[in-house]
PDB file of N, CA and C in Angstrom:
ATOM      1  N   MET A   1     -58.787 -18.419  -3.187  1.00  0.00           N
ATOM      2  CA  MET A   1     -57.490 -18.073  -2.640  1.00  0.00           C
ATOM      3  C   MET A   1     -56.400 -18.788  -3.446  1.00  0.00           C
ATOM      4  N   ALA A   2     -55.397 -18.064  -3.806  1.00  0.00           N
ATOM      5  CA  ALA A   2     -54.269 -18.625  -4.558  1.00  0.00           C
ATOM      6  C   ALA A   2     -53.455 -19.559  -3.666  1.00  0.00           C
ATOM      7  N   ILE A   3     -52.929 -20.590  -4.274  1.00  0.00           N
ATOM      8  CA  ILE A   3     -52.032 -21.525  -3.593  1.00  0.00           C
ATOM      9  C   ILE A   3     -50.697 -21.489  -4.316  1.00  0.00           C
ATOM     10  N   VAL A   4     -49.626 -21.319  -3.557  1.00  0.00           N
ATOM     11  CA  VAL A   4     -48.282 -21.291  -4.131  1.00  0.00           C
ATOM     12  C   VAL A   4     -47.463 -22.380  -3.449  1.00  0.00           C
ATOM     13  N   LYS A   5     -46.823 -23.202  -4.260  1.00  0.00           N
ATOM     14  CA  LYS A   5     -46.001 -24.301  -3.737  1.00  0.00           C
ATOM     15  C   LYS A   5     -44.699 -24.385  -4.516  1.00  0.00           C
ATOM     16  N   LYS A   6     -43.696 -24.989  -3.895  1.00  0.00           N
ATOM     17  CA  LYS A   6     -42.487 -25.412  -4.598  1.00  0.00           C
ATOM     18  C   LYS A   6     -42.685 -26.886  -4.917  1.00  0.00           C
ATOM     19  N   TYR A   7     -42.558 -27.256  -6.194  1.00  0.00           N
ATOM     20  CA  TYR A   7     -42.845 -28.643  -6.553  1.00  0.00           C
ATOM     21  C   TYR A   7     -41.939 -29.623  -5.826  1.00  0.00           C
ATOM     22  N   GLY A   8     -40.725 -29.198  -5.479  1.00  0.00           N
ATOM     23  CA  GLY A   8     -39.810 -30.076  -4.758  1.00  0.00           C
ATOM     24  C   GLY A   8     -40.262 -30.394  -3.347  1.00  0.00           C
ATOM     25  N   ASP A   9     -41.207 -29.608  -2.819  1.00  0.00           N
ATOM     26  CA  ASP A   9     -41.732 -29.866  -1.473  1.00  0.00           C
ATOM     27  C   ASP A   9     -42.860 -30.902  -1.473  1.00  0.00           C
ATOM     28  N   VAL A  10     -43.328 -31.289  -2.657  1.00  0.00           N
ATOM     29  CA  VAL A  10     -44.411 -32.264  -2.770  1.00  0.00           C
ATOM     30  C   VAL A  10     -43.800 -33.665  -2.860  1.00  0.00           C
ATOM     31  N   ASN A  11     -44.329 -34.594  -2.084  1.00  0.00           N
ATOM     32  CA  ASN A  11     -43.810 -35.962  -2.070  1.00  0.00           C
ATOM     33  C   ASN A  11     -43.937 -36.629  -3.429  1.00  0.00           C
ATOM     34  N   VAL A  12     -42.914 -37.401  -3.781  1.00  0.00           N
ATOM     35  CA  VAL A  12     -42.927 -38.191  -5.012  1.00  0.00           C
ATOM     36  C   VAL A  12     -43.601 -39.526  -4.711  1.00  0.00           C
ATOM     37  N   GLU A  13     -44.616 -39.858  -5.488  1.00  0.00           N
ATOM     38  CA  GLU A  13     -45.294 -41.149  -5.379  1.00  0.00           C
ATOM     39  C   GLU A  13     -44.812 -42.042  -6.516  1.00  0.00           C
ATOM     40  N   PRO A  14     -44.359 -43.262  -6.211  1.00  0.00           N
ATOM     41  CA  PRO A  14     -43.925 -44.145  -7.288  1.00  0.00           C
ATOM     42  C   PRO A  14     -45.112 -44.545  -8.166  1.00  0.00           C
ATOM     43  N   VAL A  15     -44.895 -44.497  -9.479  1.00  0.00           N
ATOM     44  CA  VAL A  15     -45.913 -44.892 -10.437  1.00  0.00           C
ATOM     45  C   VAL A  15     -45.575 -46.284 -10.967  1.00  0.00           C
ATOM     46  N   MET A  16     -44.318 -46.499 -11.264  1.00  0.00           N
ATOM     47  CA  MET A  16     -43.779 -47.774 -11.724  1.00  0.00           C
ATOM     48  C   MET A  16     -42.271 -47.703 -11.573  1.00  0.00           C
ATOM     49  N   ASP A  17     -41.564 -48.769 -11.861  1.00  0.00           N
ATOM     50  CA  ASP A  17     -40.104 -48.751 -11.719  1.00  0.00           C
ATOM     51  C   ASP A  17     -39.512 -47.593 -12.509  1.00  0.00           C
ATOM     52  N   GLY A  18     -38.766 -46.732 -11.830  1.00  0.00           N
ATOM     53  CA  GLY A  18     -38.064 -45.640 -12.484  1.00  0.00           C
ATOM     54  C   GLY A  18     -38.900 -44.422 -12.785  1.00  0.00           C
ATOM     55  N   VAL A  19     -40.179 -44.426 -12.399  1.00  0.00           N
ATOM     56  CA  VAL A  19     -41.062 -43.281 -12.681  1.00  0.00           C
ATOM     57  C   VAL A  19     -41.780 -42.877 -11.402  1.00  0.00           C
ATOM     58  N   GLY A  20     -41.630 -41.604 -11.038  1.00  0.00           N
ATOM     59  CA  GLY A  20     -42.324 -41.051  -9.884  1.00  0.00           C
ATOM     60  C   GLY A  20     -43.150 -39.854 -10.296  1.00  0.00           C
ATOM     61  N   MET A  21     -44.203 -39.575  -9.513  1.00  0.00           N
ATOM     62  CA  MET A  21     -45.090 -38.458  -9.830  1.00  0.00           C
ATOM     63  C   MET A  21     -45.374 -37.633  -8.586  1.00  0.00           C
ATOM     64  N   ARG A  22     -45.369 -36.321  -8.781  1.00  0.00           N
ATOM     65  CA  ARG A  22     -45.792 -35.382  -7.743  1.00  0.00           C
ATOM     66  C   ARG A  22     -47.107 -34.757  -8.204  1.00  0.00           C
ATOM     67  N   MET A  23     -48.162 -34.843  -7.405  1.00  0.00           N
ATOM     68  CA  MET A  23     -49.401 -34.140  -7.698  1.00  0.00           C
ATOM     69  C   MET A  23     -49.239 -32.747  -7.102  1.00  0.00           C
ATOM     70  N   VAL A  24     -48.764 -31.821  -7.923  1.00  0.00           N
ATOM     71  CA  VAL A  24     -48.444 -30.473  -7.436  1.00  0.00           C
ATOM     72  C   VAL A  24     -49.716 -29.682  -7.167  1.00  0.00           C
ATOM     73  N   ILE A  25     -50.669 -29.766  -8.079  1.00  0.00           N
ATOM     74  CA  ILE A  25     -51.973 -29.116  -7.891  1.00  0.00           C
ATOM     75  C   ILE A  25     -53.045 -30.116  -8.311  1.00  0.00           C
ATOM     76  N   GLY A  26     -54.006 -30.318  -7.422  1.00  0.00           N
ATOM     77  CA  GLY A  26     -55.062 -31.276  -7.710  1.00  0.00           C
ATOM     78  C   GLY A  26     -56.270 -31.035  -6.844  1.00  0.00           C
ATOM     79  N   PRO A  27     -57.118 -32.045  -6.717  1.00  0.00           N
ATOM     80  CA  PRO A  27     -58.356 -31.899  -5.961  1.00  0.00           C
ATOM     81  C   PRO A  27     -58.147 -31.440  -4.519  1.00  0.00           C
ATOM     82  N   GLU A  28     -57.091 -31.924  -3.883  1.00  0.00           N
ATOM     83  CA  GLU A  28     -56.848 -31.540  -2.488  1.00  0.00           C
ATOM     84  C   GLU A  28     -56.526 -30.052  -2.335  1.00  0.00           C
ATOM     85  N   ASP A  29     -56.151 -29.417  -3.445  1.00  0.00           N
ATOM     86  CA  ASP A  29     -55.864 -27.982  -3.431  1.00  0.00           C
ATOM     87  C   ASP A  29     -57.094 -27.161  -3.825  1.00  0.00           C
ATOM     88  N   GLY A  30     -58.197 -27.839  -4.122  1.00  0.00           N
ATOM     89  CA  GLY A  30     -59.409 -27.150  -4.544  1.00  0.00           C
ATOM     90  C   GLY A  30     -59.489 -26.922  -6.040  1.00  0.00           C
ATOM     91  N   ALA A  31     -58.571 -27.528  -6.812  1.00  0.00           N
ATOM     92  CA  ALA A  31     -58.613 -27.383  -8.269  1.00  0.00           C
ATOM     93  C   ALA A  31     -59.793 -28.207  -8.790  1.00  0.00           C
ATOM     94  N   PRO A  32     -60.792 -27.578  -9.410  1.00  0.00           N
ATOM     95  CA  PRO A  32     -61.998 -28.308  -9.781  1.00  0.00           C
ATOM     96  C   PRO A  32     -61.924 -29.097 -11.085  1.00  0.00           C
ATOM     97  N   HIS A  33     -61.001 -28.756 -11.993  1.00  0.00           N
ATOM     98  CA  HIS A  33     -61.040 -29.371 -13.317  1.00  0.00           C
ATOM     99  C   HIS A  33     -59.742 -30.015 -13.783  1.00  0.00           C
ATOM    100  N   PHE A  34     -58.593 -29.523 -13.348  1.00  0.00           N
ATOM    101  CA  PHE A  34     -57.325 -30.013 -13.879  1.00  0.00           C
ATOM    102  C   PHE A  34     -56.355 -30.386 -12.773  1.00  0.00           C
ATOM    103  N   ASN A  35     -55.431 -31.286 -13.116  1.00  0.00           N
ATOM    104  CA  ASN A  35     -54.323 -31.664 -12.244  1.00  0.00           C
ATOM    105  C   ASN A  35     -53.025 -31.217 -12.897  1.00  0.00           C
ATOM    106  N   MET A  36     -52.128 -30.685 -12.091  1.00  0.00           N
ATOM    107  CA  MET A  36     -50.768 -30.396 -12.535  1.00  0.00           C
ATOM    108  C   MET A  36     -49.862 -31.404 -11.845  1.00  0.00           C
ATOM    109  N   ARG A  37     -49.187 -32.198 -12.660  1.00  0.00           N
ATOM    110  CA  ARG A  37     -48.332 -33.249 -12.120  1.00  0.00           C
ATOM    111  C   ARG A  37     -46.914 -33.064 -12.638  1.00  0.00           C
ATOM    112  N   ILE A  38     -45.947 -33.413 -11.806  1.00  0.00           N
ATOM    113  CA  ILE A  38     -44.548 -33.417 -12.213  1.00  0.00           C
ATOM    114  C   ILE A  38     -44.075 -34.867 -12.184  1.00  0.00           C
ATOM    115  N   PHE A  39     -43.550 -35.329 -13.316  1.00  0.00           N
ATOM    116  CA  PHE A  39     -43.022 -36.681 -13.408  1.00  0.00           C
ATOM    117  C   PHE A  39     -41.504 -36.649 -13.385  1.00  0.00           C
ATOM    118  N   ASP A  40     -40.921 -37.577 -12.644  1.00  0.00           N
ATOM    119  CA  ASP A  40     -39.474 -37.812 -12.619  1.00  0.00           C
ATOM    120  C   ASP A  40     -39.256 -39.179 -13.251  1.00  0.00           C
ATOM    121  N   ILE A  41     -38.599 -39.198 -14.412  1.00  0.00           N
ATOM    122  CA  ILE A  41     -38.331 -40.446 -15.110  1.00  0.00           C
ATOM    123  C   ILE A  41     -36.821 -40.679 -15.081  1.00  0.00           C
ATOM    124  N   GLU A  42     -36.423 -41.762 -14.453  1.00  0.00           N
ATOM    125  CA  GLU A  42     -35.007 -42.078 -14.286  1.00  0.00           C
ATOM    126  C   GLU A  42     -34.383 -42.465 -15.631  1.00  0.00           C
ATOM    127  N   PRO A  43     -33.051 -42.321 -15.766  1.00  0.00           N
ATOM    128  CA  PRO A  43     -32.382 -42.731 -17.012  1.00  0.00           C
ATOM    129  C   PRO A  43     -32.743 -44.172 -17.385  1.00  0.00           C
ATOM    130  N   GLY A  44     -33.116 -44.368 -18.646  1.00  0.00           N
ATOM    131  CA  GLY A  44     -33.477 -45.685 -19.146  1.00  0.00           C
ATOM    132  C   GLY A  44     -34.911 -46.097 -18.872  1.00  0.00           C
ATOM    133  N   ALA A  45     -35.616 -45.359 -18.022  1.00  0.00           N
ATOM    134  CA  ALA A  45     -37.001 -45.707 -17.687  1.00  0.00           C
ATOM    135  C   ALA A  45     -37.975 -45.015 -18.649  1.00  0.00           C
ATOM    136  N   SER A  46     -39.226 -45.445 -18.596  1.00  0.00           N
ATOM    137  CA  SER A  46     -40.248 -44.855 -19.455  1.00  0.00           C
ATOM    138  C   SER A  46     -41.615 -44.994 -18.818  1.00  0.00           C
ATOM    139  N   THR A  47     -42.536 -44.179 -19.300  1.00  0.00           N
ATOM    140  CA  THR A  47     -43.935 -44.333 -18.936  1.00  0.00           C
ATOM    141  C   THR A  47     -44.494 -45.498 -19.746  1.00  0.00           C
ATOM    142  N   PRO A  48     -45.673 -45.996 -19.415  1.00  0.00           N
ATOM    143  CA  PRO A  48     -46.259 -47.070 -20.229  1.00  0.00           C
ATOM    144  C   PRO A  48     -46.569 -46.582 -21.644  1.00  0.00           C
ATOM    145  N   HIS A  49     -46.583 -47.496 -22.585  1.00  0.00           N
ATOM    146  CA  HIS A  49     -47.022 -47.200 -23.953  1.00  0.00           C
ATOM    147  C   HIS A  49     -48.543 -47.327 -23.897  1.00  0.00           C
ATOM    148  N   HIS A  50     -49.257 -46.205 -23.934  1.00  0.00           N
ATOM    149  CA  HIS A  50     -50.678 -46.216 -23.614  1.00  0.00           C
ATOM    150  C   HIS A  50     -51.436 -45.100 -24.333  1.00  0.00           C
ATOM    151  N   SER A  51     -52.742 -45.121 -24.178  1.00  0.00           N
ATOM    152  CA  SER A  51     -53.590 -44.028 -24.651  1.00  0.00           C
ATOM    153  C   SER A  51     -54.720 -43.845 -23.647  1.00  0.00           C
ATOM    154  N   HIS A  52     -55.396 -42.716 -23.751  1.00  0.00           N
ATOM    155  CA  HIS A  52     -56.543 -42.395 -22.900  1.00  0.00           C
ATOM    156  C   HIS A  52     -57.390 -41.368 -23.618  1.00  0.00           C
ATOM    157  N   TRP A  53     -58.619 -41.202 -23.191  1.00  0.00           N
ATOM    158  CA  TRP A  53     -59.555 -40.328 -23.898  1.00  0.00           C
ATOM    159  C   TRP A  53     -59.162 -38.861 -23.856  1.00  0.00           C
ATOM    160  N   TRP A  54     -58.448 -38.446 -22.833  1.00  0.00           N
ATOM    161  CA  TRP A  54     -58.159 -37.024 -22.670  1.00  0.00           C
ATOM    162  C   TRP A  54     -56.880 -36.612 -23.381  1.00  0.00           C
ATOM    163  N   GLU A  55     -56.865 -35.350 -23.761  1.00  0.00           N
ATOM    164  CA  GLU A  55     -55.631 -34.715 -24.220  1.00  0.00           C
ATOM    165  C   GLU A  55     -54.777 -34.419 -22.997  1.00  0.00           C
ATOM    166  N   HIS A  56     -53.520 -34.194 -23.203  1.00  0.00           N
ATOM    167  CA  HIS A  56     -52.722 -33.584 -22.142  1.00  0.00           C
ATOM    168  C   HIS A  56     -51.587 -32.781 -22.735  1.00  0.00           C
ATOM    169  N   GLU A  57     -51.143 -31.862 -21.927  1.00  0.00           N
ATOM    170  CA  GLU A  57     -50.058 -30.973 -22.298  1.00  0.00           C
ATOM    171  C   GLU A  57     -48.893 -31.276 -21.368  1.00  0.00           C
ATOM    172  N   THR A  58     -47.706 -31.374 -21.939  1.00  0.00           N
ATOM    173  CA  THR A  58     -46.515 -31.718 -21.175  1.00  0.00           C
ATOM    174  C   THR A  58     -45.424 -30.698 -21.466  1.00  0.00           C
ATOM    175  N   PHE A  59     -44.694 -30.321 -20.428  1.00  0.00           N
ATOM    176  CA  PHE A  59     -43.580 -29.389 -20.572  1.00  0.00           C
ATOM    177  C   PHE A  59     -42.350 -30.022 -19.938  1.00  0.00           C
ATOM    178  N   VAL A  60     -41.252 -30.084 -20.690  1.00  0.00           N
ATOM    179  CA  VAL A  60     -40.018 -30.683 -20.187  1.00  0.00           C
ATOM    180  C   VAL A  60     -39.260 -29.637 -19.369  1.00  0.00           C
ATOM    181  N   ILE A  61     -39.070 -29.933 -18.101  1.00  0.00           N
ATOM    182  CA  ILE A  61     -38.382 -29.019 -17.179  1.00  0.00           C
ATOM    183  C   ILE A  61     -36.868 -29.210 -17.271  1.00  0.00           C
ATOM    184  N   GLU A  62     -36.450 -30.472 -17.246  1.00  0.00           N
ATOM    185  CA  GLU A  62     -35.016 -30.765 -17.389  1.00  0.00           C
ATOM    186  C   GLU A  62     -34.828 -32.175 -17.899  1.00  0.00           C
ATOM    187  N   GLY A  63     -33.655 -32.436 -18.445  1.00  0.00           N
ATOM    188  CA  GLY A  63     -33.327 -33.750 -18.965  1.00  0.00           C
ATOM    189  C   GLY A  63     -33.613 -33.856 -20.454  1.00  0.00           C
ATOM    190  N   GLU A  64     -33.514 -35.084 -20.945  1.00  0.00           N
ATOM    191  CA  GLU A  64     -33.781 -35.312 -22.363  1.00  0.00           C
ATOM    192  C   GLU A  64     -34.368 -36.700 -22.548  1.00  0.00           C
ATOM    193  N   GLY A  65     -35.084 -36.853 -23.638  1.00  0.00           N
ATOM    194  CA  GLY A  65     -35.717 -38.125 -23.924  1.00  0.00           C
ATOM    195  C   GLY A  65     -36.415 -38.079 -25.261  1.00  0.00           C
ATOM    196  N   ILE A  66     -37.372 -38.979 -25.410  1.00  0.00           N
ATOM    197  CA  ILE A  66     -38.206 -38.998 -26.616  1.00  0.00           C
ATOM    198  C   ILE A  66     -39.660 -39.180 -26.194  1.00  0.00           C
ATOM    199  N   VAL A  67     -40.543 -38.711 -27.046  1.00  0.00           N
ATOM    200  CA  VAL A  67     -41.944 -39.089 -26.943  1.00  0.00           C
ATOM    201  C   VAL A  67     -42.199 -40.019 -28.126  1.00  0.00           C
ATOM    202  N   ARG A  68     -42.657 -41.213 -27.830  1.00  0.00           N
ATOM    203  CA  ARG A  68     -42.911 -42.243 -28.844  1.00  0.00           C
ATOM    204  C   ARG A  68     -44.392 -42.186 -29.202  1.00  0.00           C
ATOM    205  N   THR A  69     -44.685 -42.043 -30.489  1.00  0.00           N
ATOM    206  CA  THR A  69     -46.063 -42.030 -30.980  1.00  0.00           C
ATOM    207  C   THR A  69     -46.174 -42.983 -32.159  1.00  0.00           C
ATOM    208  N   ASP A  70     -47.383 -43.183 -32.643  1.00  0.00           N
ATOM    209  CA  ASP A  70     -47.582 -44.031 -33.823  1.00  0.00           C
ATOM    210  C   ASP A  70     -46.924 -43.428 -35.061  1.00  0.00           C
ATOM    211  N   GLN A  71     -46.666 -42.125 -35.033  1.00  0.00           N
ATOM    212  CA  GLN A  71     -46.023 -41.462 -36.171  1.00  0.00           C
ATOM    213  C   GLN A  71     -44.502 -41.491 -36.074  1.00  0.00           C
ATOM    214  N   GLY A  72     -43.966 -42.007 -34.969  1.00  0.00           N
ATOM    215  CA  GLY A  72     -42.523 -42.079 -34.794  1.00  0.00           C
ATOM    216  C   GLY A  72     -42.080 -41.423 -33.498  1.00  0.00           C
ATOM    217  N   ASP A  73     -40.787 -41.476 -33.246  1.00  0.00           N
ATOM    218  CA  ASP A  73     -40.196 -40.894 -32.045  1.00  0.00           C
ATOM    219  C   ASP A  73     -39.789 -39.451 -32.313  1.00  0.00           C
ATOM    220  N   VAL A  74     -40.020 -38.601 -31.307  1.00  0.00           N
ATOM    221  CA  VAL A  74     -39.625 -37.191 -31.398  1.00  0.00           C
ATOM    222  C   VAL A  74     -38.736 -36.880 -30.198  1.00  0.00           C
ATOM    223  N   SER A  75     -37.569 -36.286 -30.450  1.00  0.00           N
ATOM    224  CA  SER A  75     -36.640 -35.926 -29.379  1.00  0.00           C
ATOM    225  C   SER A  75     -37.206 -34.815 -28.513  1.00  0.00           C
ATOM    226  N   LEU A  76     -36.911 -34.909 -27.214  1.00  0.00           N
ATOM    227  CA  LEU A  76     -37.343 -33.904 -26.244  1.00  0.00           C
ATOM    228  C   LEU A  76     -36.160 -33.449 -25.413  1.00  0.00           C
ATOM    229  N   LYS A  77     -36.170 -32.183 -25.023  1.00  0.00           N
ATOM    230  CA  LYS A  77     -35.202 -31.684 -24.047  1.00  0.00           C
ATOM    231  C   LYS A  77     -35.834 -30.506 -23.322  1.00  0.00           C
ATOM    232  N   ALA A  78     -35.150 -30.027 -22.293  1.00  0.00           N
ATOM    233  CA  ALA A  78     -35.677 -28.942 -21.471  1.00  0.00           C
ATOM    234  C   ALA A  78     -36.168 -27.787 -22.341  1.00  0.00           C
ATOM    235  N   GLY A  79     -37.365 -27.303 -22.014  1.00  0.00           N
ATOM    236  CA  GLY A  79     -37.962 -26.194 -22.739  1.00  0.00           C
ATOM    237  C   GLY A  79     -38.957 -26.619 -23.803  1.00  0.00           C
ATOM    238  N   HIS A  80     -38.990 -27.900 -24.140  1.00  0.00           N
ATOM    239  CA  HIS A  80     -39.948 -28.381 -25.139  1.00  0.00           C
ATOM    240  C   HIS A  80     -41.325 -28.577 -24.511  1.00  0.00           C
ATOM    241  N   ALA A  81     -42.363 -28.266 -25.283  1.00  0.00           N
ATOM    242  CA  ALA A  81     -43.749 -28.501 -24.887  1.00  0.00           C
ATOM    243  C   ALA A  81     -44.362 -29.507 -25.850  1.00  0.00           C
ATOM    244  N   VAL A  82     -45.217 -30.383 -25.315  1.00  0.00           N
ATOM    245  CA  VAL A  82     -45.862 -31.425 -26.119  1.00  0.00           C
ATOM    246  C   VAL A  82     -47.366 -31.331 -25.928  1.00  0.00           C
ATOM    247  N   PHE A  83     -48.111 -31.331 -27.026  1.00  0.00           N
ATOM    248  CA  PHE A  83     -49.558 -31.489 -26.975  1.00  0.00           C
ATOM    249  C   PHE A  83     -49.855 -32.903 -27.444  1.00  0.00           C
ATOM    250  N   MET A  84     -50.489 -33.698 -26.593  1.00  0.00           N
ATOM    251  CA  MET A  84     -50.840 -35.066 -26.945  1.00  0.00           C
ATOM    252  C   MET A  84     -52.360 -35.152 -27.039  1.00  0.00           C
ATOM    253  N   PRO A  85     -52.883 -35.322 -28.259  1.00  0.00           N
ATOM    254  CA  PRO A  85     -54.334 -35.439 -28.418  1.00  0.00           C
ATOM    255  C   PRO A  85     -54.875 -36.675 -27.698  1.00  0.00           C
ATOM    256  N   GLY A  86     -56.135 -36.627 -27.332  1.00  0.00           N
ATOM    257  CA  GLY A  86     -56.781 -37.781 -26.727  1.00  0.00           C
ATOM    258  C   GLY A  86     -56.778 -38.967 -27.680  1.00  0.00           C
ATOM    259  N   ASN A  87     -56.733 -40.160 -27.103  1.00  0.00           N
ATOM    260  CA  ASN A  87     -56.782 -41.433 -27.822  1.00  0.00           C
ATOM    261  C   ASN A  87     -55.559 -41.718 -28.682  1.00  0.00           C
ATOM    262  N   GLU A  88     -54.508 -40.924 -28.586  1.00  0.00           N
ATOM    263  CA  GLU A  88     -53.279 -41.198 -29.335  1.00  0.00           C
ATOM    264  C   GLU A  88     -52.321 -42.004 -28.454  1.00  0.00           C
ATOM    265  N   VAL A  89     -51.849 -43.125 -28.973  1.00  0.00           N
ATOM    266  CA  VAL A  89     -50.916 -43.970 -28.223  1.00  0.00           C
ATOM    267  C   VAL A  89     -49.584 -43.229 -28.095  1.00  0.00           C
ATOM    268  N   HIS A  90     -49.030 -43.224 -26.881  1.00  0.00           N
ATOM    269  CA  HIS A  90     -47.791 -42.481 -26.648  1.00  0.00           C
ATOM    270  C   HIS A  90     -47.016 -43.065 -25.473  1.00  0.00           C
ATOM    271  N   GLN A  91     -45.749 -42.662 -25.382  1.00  0.00           N
ATOM    272  CA  GLN A  91     -44.862 -43.084 -24.307  1.00  0.00           C
ATOM    273  C   GLN A  91     -43.734 -42.073 -24.196  1.00  0.00           C
ATOM    274  N   PHE A  92     -43.364 -41.719 -22.974  1.00  0.00           N
ATOM    275  CA  PHE A  92     -42.220 -40.847 -22.735  1.00  0.00           C
ATOM    276  C   PHE A  92     -41.066 -41.711 -22.245  1.00  0.00           C
ATOM    277  N   VAL A  93     -39.901 -41.572 -22.873  1.00  0.00           N
ATOM    278  CA  VAL A  93     -38.734 -42.400 -22.572  1.00  0.00           C
ATOM    279  C   VAL A  93     -37.559 -41.485 -22.243  1.00  0.00           C
ATOM    280  N   ASN A  94     -36.893 -41.752 -21.135  1.00  0.00           N
ATOM    281  CA  ASN A  94     -35.691 -41.004 -20.775  1.00  0.00           C
ATOM    282  C   ASN A  94     -34.506 -41.638 -21.496  1.00  0.00           C
ATOM    283  N   THR A  95     -33.915 -40.903 -22.432  1.00  0.00           N
ATOM    284  CA  THR A  95     -32.750 -41.390 -23.171  1.00  0.00           C
ATOM    285  C   THR A  95     -31.458 -40.737 -22.680  1.00  0.00           C
ATOM    286  N   GLY A  96     -31.572 -39.897 -21.657  1.00  0.00           N
ATOM    287  CA  GLY A  96     -30.413 -39.164 -21.160  1.00  0.00           C
ATOM    288  C   GLY A  96     -29.739 -39.849 -19.988  1.00  0.00           C
ATOM    289  N   GLU A  97     -28.807 -39.131 -19.385  1.00  0.00           N
ATOM    290  CA  GLU A  97     -28.039 -39.649 -18.262  1.00  0.00           C
ATOM    291  C   GLU A  97     -28.482 -39.073 -16.929  1.00  0.00           C
ATOM    292  N   SER A  98     -29.479 -38.187 -16.941  1.00  0.00           N
ATOM    293  CA  SER A  98     -30.014 -37.620 -15.707  1.00  0.00           C
ATOM    294  C   SER A  98     -31.532 -37.756 -15.725  1.00  0.00           C
ATOM    295  N   VAL A  99     -32.166 -37.404 -14.622  1.00  0.00           N
ATOM    296  CA  VAL A  99     -33.621 -37.521 -14.509  1.00  0.00           C
ATOM    297  C   VAL A  99     -34.304 -36.614 -15.535  1.00  0.00           C
ATOM    298  N   LEU A 100     -35.311 -37.153 -16.188  1.00  0.00           N
ATOM    299  CA  LEU A 100     -36.171 -36.389 -17.093  1.00  0.00           C
ATOM    300  C   LEU A 100     -37.345 -35.906 -16.257  1.00  0.00           C
ATOM    301  N   LYS A 101     -37.448 -34.581 -16.079  1.00  0.00           N
ATOM    302  CA  LYS A 101     -38.533 -33.987 -15.290  1.00  0.00           C
ATOM    303  C   LYS A 101     -39.497 -33.313 -16.241  1.00  0.00           C
ATOM    304  N   MET A 102     -40.778 -33.677 -16.112  1.00  0.00           N
ATOM    305  CA  MET A 102     -41.798 -33.115 -16.991  1.00  0.00           C
ATOM    306  C   MET A 102     -43.021 -32.707 -16.189  1.00  0.00           C
ATOM    307  N   MET A 103     -43.597 -31.567 -16.553  1.00  0.00           N
ATOM    308  CA  MET A 103     -44.880 -31.150 -16.016  1.00  0.00           C
ATOM    309  C   MET A 103     -45.954 -31.638 -16.974  1.00  0.00           C
ATOM    310  N   CYS A 104     -47.028 -32.205 -16.432  1.00  0.00           N
ATOM    311  CA  CYS A 104     -48.100 -32.751 -17.254  1.00  0.00           C
ATOM    312  C   CYS A 104     -49.432 -32.250 -16.705  1.00  0.00           C
ATOM    313  N   LEU A 105     -50.246 -31.672 -17.558  1.00  0.00           N
ATOM    314  CA  LEU A 105     -51.566 -31.168 -17.176  1.00  0.00           C
ATOM    315  C   LEU A 105     -52.632 -32.089 -17.746  1.00  0.00           C
ATOM    316  N   VAL A 106     -53.520 -32.576 -16.872  1.00  0.00           N
ATOM    317  CA  VAL A 106     -54.583 -33.497 -17.286  1.00  0.00           C
ATOM    318  C   VAL A 106     -55.886 -33.121 -16.581  1.00  0.00           C
ATOM    319  N   PRO A 107     -57.024 -33.531 -17.150  1.00  0.00           N
ATOM    320  CA  PRO A 107     -58.300 -33.247 -16.494  1.00  0.00           C
ATOM    321  C   PRO A 107     -58.497 -34.107 -15.256  1.00  0.00           C
ATOM    322  N   GLN A 108     -59.360 -33.634 -14.375  1.00  0.00           N
ATOM    323  CA  GLN A 108     -59.724 -34.399 -13.179  1.00  0.00           C
ATOM    324  C   GLN A 108     -60.434 -35.689 -13.589  1.00  0.00           C
ATOM    325  N   LYS A 109     -60.292 -36.708 -12.779  1.00  0.00           N
ATOM    326  CA  LYS A 109     -60.887 -38.021 -13.041  1.00  0.00           C
ATOM    327  C   LYS A 109     -62.404 -37.932 -13.240  1.00  0.00           C
ATOM    328  N   TRP A 110     -63.100 -37.080 -12.471  1.00  0.00           N
ATOM    329  CA  TRP A 110     -64.562 -37.024 -12.557  1.00  0.00           C
ATOM    330  C   TRP A 110     -65.046 -36.582 -13.930  1.00  0.00           C
ATOM    331  N   LEU A 111     -64.211 -35.860 -14.692  1.00  0.00           N
ATOM    332  CA  LEU A 111     -64.621 -35.401 -16.019  1.00  0.00           C
ATOM    333  C   LEU A 111     -64.791 -36.557 -16.996  1.00  0.00           C
ATOM    334  N   GLU A 112     -64.167 -37.689 -16.690  1.00  0.00           N
ATOM    335  CA  GLU A 112     -64.323 -38.877 -17.525  1.00  0.00           C
ATOM    336  C   GLU A 112     -65.805 -39.241 -17.649  1.00  0.00           C
ATOM    337  N   ASP A 113     -66.533 -39.120 -16.559  1.00  0.00           N
ATOM    338  CA  ASP A 113     -67.942 -39.486 -16.547  1.00  0.00           C
ATOM    339  C   ASP A 113     -68.805 -38.540 -17.365  1.00  0.00           C
ATOM    340  N   THR A 114     -68.299 -37.348 -17.680  1.00  0.00           N
ATOM    341  CA  THR A 114     -69.095 -36.380 -18.433  1.00  0.00           C
ATOM    342  C   THR A 114     -68.882 -36.488 -19.929  1.00  0.00           C
ATOM    343  N   THR A 115     -67.940 -37.312 -20.363  1.00  0.00           N
ATOM    344  CA  THR A 115     -67.614 -37.407 -21.784  1.00  0.00           C
ATOM    345  C   THR A 115     -68.449 -38.441 -22.522  1.00  0.00           C
ATOM    346  N   GLY A 116     -69.087 -39.346 -21.760  1.00  0.00           N
ATOM    347  CA  GLY A 116     -69.814 -40.435 -22.384  1.00  0.00           C
ATOM    348  C   GLY A 116     -68.890 -41.508 -22.926  1.00  0.00           C
ATOM    349  N   LYS A 117     -67.583 -41.376 -22.634  1.00  0.00           N
ATOM    350  CA  LYS A 117     -66.598 -42.359 -23.100  1.00  0.00           C
ATOM    351  C   LYS A 117     -66.302 -43.329 -21.966  1.00  0.00           C
ATOM    352  N   PRO A 118     -65.886 -44.544 -22.290  1.00  0.00           N
ATOM    353  CA  PRO A 118     -65.602 -45.512 -21.224  1.00  0.00           C
ATOM    354  C   PRO A 118     -64.451 -45.057 -20.351  1.00  0.00           C
ATOM    355  N   THR A 119     -64.535 -45.399 -19.080  1.00  0.00           N
ATOM    356  CA  THR A 119     -63.456 -45.056 -18.156  1.00  0.00           C
ATOM    357  C   THR A 119     -62.372 -46.121 -18.221  1.00  0.00           C
ATOM    358  N   ILE A 120     -61.177 -45.713 -17.852  1.00  0.00           N
ATOM    359  CA  ILE A 120     -60.029 -46.632 -17.887  1.00  0.00           C
ATOM    360  C   ILE A 120     -59.950 -47.383 -16.585  1.00  0.00           C
TER     361      ILE A 120
END
């Protein structure tokens, strides 16, 4: 059965100072393999500078910022899509004056155990 939601109706969970996340589609919705998350990054805030085994795809809904990688910073604004390969160090930084909203697709946590790679 299809599930349709408005992302604004999903509660924002704080991740760290200035960063909130909405789990729009996930295990509780019956999604067996992937999570769809919406991040709200306040002006001047950023995600951690980190890496993980999985790839993820990110789509900028509104706002502007940069994605910081080992190859340098790349500007982002609404309508941009980012493919981040697994194990690549990265960080999303809000450089604008309004909230940076991004959709991020990642695999379910249980898939970590099927990769033979260490869990975080």
